Structures are given as structure tokens and as C-alpha cells.
Amino acid sequence: MHAAFNIRQLTTADVPLMRSLNALFGVAFEDPQTYGADPPPPDYLRSVLARPHVIVFVAVVDAEVVGGLVAYELEKLERAHSEIYLYDLAIAEAHRRRGIATALIDRLRALAAQRGSSVVYVQADWDDEPAKALYEKLGTRQQVLHFELEPIGPAHAAGSPPESS
């Protein structure tokens, strides 16, 4: 029998839980370098967690973070509404298949409704069958392409004023 899990939304007082969630992401995504090699200082984490558009939920069992998600509320300009982008979601391997991911997403969907957001959306890698199965169970699949564009300096940006000499 598995111990019950509790879900909570992180606040500025939850830096240790955020660190635990980042460690979990590093293991689950097989990317400990990104999620643990250069941890941000506590003041930075508190500052980000204080922002209303940053949403972090964790699932806790016996004071241990066993799952969690990070999402961002995006305010739209074409009409007065927002959309929520579920950016990261992971469950510790020993705690999978217990409904934790679905419960986390349901909490996010409830928060989206409370905030008047029109949709929660998420991306999945083509070869991540468990993620695709979970998301298809909960929503409608869209066929999209995802592109990553590198930032550039202002001198290279289109529409920038010419440099003076």
C-alpha cells in the first residue's frame, strides 16, 4: 500500500521544496546538469516564486517531494484572457502510476478556471509515450512544430536603429 500524497502550491517560503523539485526534474529528465549544476540562490527562487504568473505545484509524501509541475500564466493581448503553459512535469519513478500526475494537472486546471484562463496547454516529445498517453487522456492533441530561437544582441535585431559611429 502506498502512502497518501498531498499537493500544494509553492510560495516564497518553499525554497527547499523547489530545490527538491529541481533535483527530481534532473533525475526524471536525465538532465542533472541543467537542473542541479548551478542552482540559483535562495533570493532568486523566492523572487520567481513570488510572481503571480509562475505556478509551481508539488506532490509530497512523508515530507518528500515525489512529483511536481511548473507552469506559466501568459496574459494575452487579442482579448482579456490568459492561457497557462505547463512547462515541466515529473513524478519520481517509485511513485508513478498512482494518479499523481493527473492530480497535479487537475489542480492546475482548477487554478486556470479560477483565474479565467481559456486553456492549459503542454508539449510532449514525440517519443515520450507515457506523457502522450497522459495528455491525450486529459485533452485534445494538436499537431504543432516547436522551434527554439537563440537570443541575439540588439545590434542584430530586425528593426533596430543603425549603429552610430
Protein backbone atom coordinates (compact mmCIF):
# COMPACT_ATOMS: atom_id res chain seq x y z
CA MET A 1 0.00 0.00 0.00
CA HIS A 2 1.29 3.44 -0.95
CA ALA A 3 1.30 6.39 1.41
CA ALA A 4 -1.12 9.16 0.53
CA PHE A 5 0.23 12.19 -1.27
CA ASN A 6 -0.61 15.82 -0.70
CA ILE A 7 -0.46 18.52 -3.35
CA ARG A 8 0.49 22.06 -2.53
CA GLN A 9 1.27 25.21 -4.43
CA LEU A 10 4.70 26.61 -3.62
CA THR A 11 5.18 30.08 -2.18
CA THR A 12 8.22 32.20 -1.38
CA ALA A 13 8.62 30.21 1.86
CA ASP A 14 9.15 26.96 -0.06
CA VAL A 15 12.70 27.30 -1.43
CA PRO A 16 13.75 23.87 -0.04
CA LEU A 17 10.78 22.20 -1.76
CA MET A 18 11.64 23.99 -5.02
CA ARG A 19 15.21 22.70 -4.75
CA SER A 20 13.86 19.17 -4.20
CA LEU A 21 11.61 19.53 -7.24
CA ASN A 22 14.55 20.67 -9.38
CA ALA A 23 16.54 17.63 -8.21
CA LEU A 24 13.58 15.40 -9.15
CA PHE A 25 13.40 17.04 -12.59
CA GLY A 26 17.12 16.39 -13.07
CA VAL A 27 16.64 12.67 -12.41
CA ALA A 28 13.35 12.28 -14.29
CA PHE A 29 14.56 14.18 -17.37
CA GLU A 30 18.02 12.57 -17.19
CA ASP A 31 19.49 16.07 -17.13
CA PRO A 32 21.12 16.67 -13.72
CA GLN A 33 23.44 19.28 -15.27
CA THR A 34 20.60 21.65 -16.19
CA TYR A 35 18.60 21.14 -13.01
CA GLY A 36 21.39 20.96 -10.44
CA ALA A 37 24.85 22.02 -11.56
CA ASP A 38 24.35 25.75 -10.96
CA PRO A 39 21.46 26.16 -8.52
CA PRO A 40 20.09 29.69 -8.21
CA PRO A 41 20.46 31.45 -4.86
CA PRO A 42 17.51 31.44 -2.44
CA ASP A 43 16.70 35.12 -3.10
CA TYR A 44 16.31 34.38 -6.81
CA LEU A 45 13.98 31.42 -6.16
CA ARG A 46 11.91 33.49 -3.72
CA SER A 47 11.67 36.29 -6.27
CA VAL A 48 10.46 33.97 -9.03
CA LEU A 49 8.05 32.10 -6.77
CA ALA A 50 6.54 35.48 -5.76
CA ARG A 51 5.49 36.26 -9.34
CA PRO A 52 1.78 35.59 -9.86
CA HIS A 53 2.28 34.16 -13.36
CA VAL A 54 4.70 31.48 -12.08
CA ILE A 55 2.83 28.41 -10.84
CA VAL A 56 4.53 25.51 -9.06
CA PHE A 57 2.72 22.54 -7.55
CA VAL A 58 4.40 19.66 -5.75
CA ALA A 59 3.16 16.28 -4.60
CA VAL A 60 4.56 15.35 -1.20
CA VAL A 61 4.66 12.00 0.59
CA ASP A 62 6.04 11.97 4.15
CA ALA A 63 7.78 15.36 3.63
CA GLU A 64 9.44 14.13 0.39
CA VAL A 65 8.72 15.76 -2.99
CA VAL A 66 7.65 12.86 -5.24
CA GLY A 67 6.31 14.89 -8.14
CA GLY A 68 5.60 18.34 -9.36
CA LEU A 69 4.96 20.74 -12.15
CA VAL A 70 5.97 24.22 -13.22
CA ALA A 71 3.59 26.31 -15.32
CA TYR A 72 3.38 29.89 -16.52
CA GLU A 73 0.29 32.03 -16.98
CA LEU A 74 0.55 34.00 -20.22
CA GLU A 75 -1.62 37.10 -20.44
CA LYS A 76 -2.92 37.53 -23.98
CA LEU A 77 -3.45 40.76 -25.90
CA GLU A 78 -6.06 39.79 -28.50
CA ARG A 79 -8.72 39.72 -25.77
CA ALA A 80 -8.84 39.85 -21.99
CA HIS A 81 -7.82 36.34 -21.06
CA SER A 82 -4.82 34.20 -20.31
CA GLU A 83 -3.51 30.76 -21.18
CA ILE A 84 -1.45 28.55 -18.92
CA TYR A 85 1.59 26.73 -20.29
CA LEU A 86 2.53 23.60 -18.37
CA TYR A 87 6.29 23.66 -18.84
CA ASP A 88 7.71 20.84 -16.67
CA LEU A 89 6.01 17.83 -15.08
CA ALA A 90 7.68 14.83 -13.46
CA ILE A 91 6.91 12.09 -10.98
CA ALA A 92 9.59 10.07 -9.15
CA GLU A 93 9.81 6.63 -10.71
CA ALA A 94 8.85 4.81 -7.50
CA HIS A 95 5.63 6.85 -7.28
CA ARG A 96 4.36 6.61 -10.85
CA ARG A 97 1.04 5.03 -11.85
CA ARG A 98 -0.70 6.31 -8.70
CA GLY A 99 -2.60 9.24 -10.22
CA ILE A 100 -0.15 11.89 -9.01
CA ALA A 101 0.42 13.44 -12.45
CA THR A 102 -3.31 13.58 -13.12
CA ALA A 103 -3.94 15.12 -9.69
CA LEU A 104 -1.26 17.77 -10.28
CA ILE A 105 -2.72 18.63 -13.68
CA ASP A 106 -6.24 18.73 -12.25
CA ARG A 107 -5.07 21.24 -9.60
CA LEU A 108 -3.55 23.34 -12.39
CA ARG A 109 -6.76 23.12 -14.43
CA ALA A 110 -8.78 24.22 -11.38
CA LEU A 111 -6.45 27.17 -10.86
CA ALA A 112 -6.80 28.02 -14.56
CA ALA A 113 -10.58 28.11 -14.22
CA GLN A 114 -10.32 30.22 -11.06
CA ARG A 115 -8.11 32.72 -12.91
CA GLY A 116 -10.31 32.78 -16.00
CA SER A 117 -7.69 31.20 -18.26
CA SER A 118 -9.05 29.83 -21.51
CA VAL A 119 -6.78 26.78 -21.73
CA VAL A 120 -3.90 24.86 -20.20
CA TYR A 121 -1.51 23.61 -22.83
CA VAL A 122 1.54 21.36 -22.74
CA GLN A 123 4.09 19.97 -25.17
CA ALA A 124 5.46 16.43 -25.24
CA ASP A 125 8.38 14.88 -27.03
CA TRP A 126 7.39 12.65 -29.95
CA ASP A 127 8.99 9.58 -28.34
CA ASP A 128 7.62 10.14 -24.81
CA GLU A 129 4.78 7.63 -24.94
CA PRO A 130 3.77 7.86 -21.23
CA ALA A 131 3.46 11.65 -21.44
CA LYS A 132 1.48 11.49 -24.68
CA ALA A 133 -0.89 8.89 -23.20
CA LEU A 134 -1.45 11.03 -20.10
CA TYR A 135 -2.11 14.22 -22.05
CA GLU A 136 -4.37 12.52 -24.61
CA LYS A 137 -6.41 11.12 -21.71
CA LEU A 138 -6.94 14.66 -20.41
CA GLY A 139 -7.22 16.78 -23.52
CA THR A 140 -7.13 17.23 -27.28
CA ARG A 141 -3.97 16.55 -29.23
CA GLN A 142 -2.69 19.26 -31.58
CA GLN A 143 -0.08 18.70 -34.28
CA VAL A 144 2.46 21.52 -33.96
CA LEU A 145 6.12 22.15 -34.55
CA HIS A 146 8.29 23.60 -31.81
CA PHE A 147 11.25 25.81 -32.70
CA GLU A 148 13.96 27.17 -30.41
CA LEU A 149 15.36 30.55 -31.44
CA GLU A 150 18.63 31.77 -29.94
CA PRO A 151 18.56 35.27 -28.42
CA ILE A 152 20.60 37.90 -30.26
CA GLY A 153 22.05 41.23 -29.25
CA PRO A 154 20.29 44.50 -30.06
CA ALA A 155 22.71 45.30 -32.91
CA HIS A 156 21.43 42.25 -34.79
CA ALA A 157 17.71 42.59 -34.08
CA ALA A 158 15.46 43.37 -37.03
CA GLY A 159 14.13 46.89 -36.87
CA SER A 160 16.97 48.11 -34.66
CA PRO A 161 18.25 51.60 -35.35
CA PRO A 162 21.57 51.62 -37.17
CA GLU A 163 24.66 51.90 -35.01
CA SER A 164 26.22 55.37 -34.82
CA SER A 165 29.89 55.82 -35.34
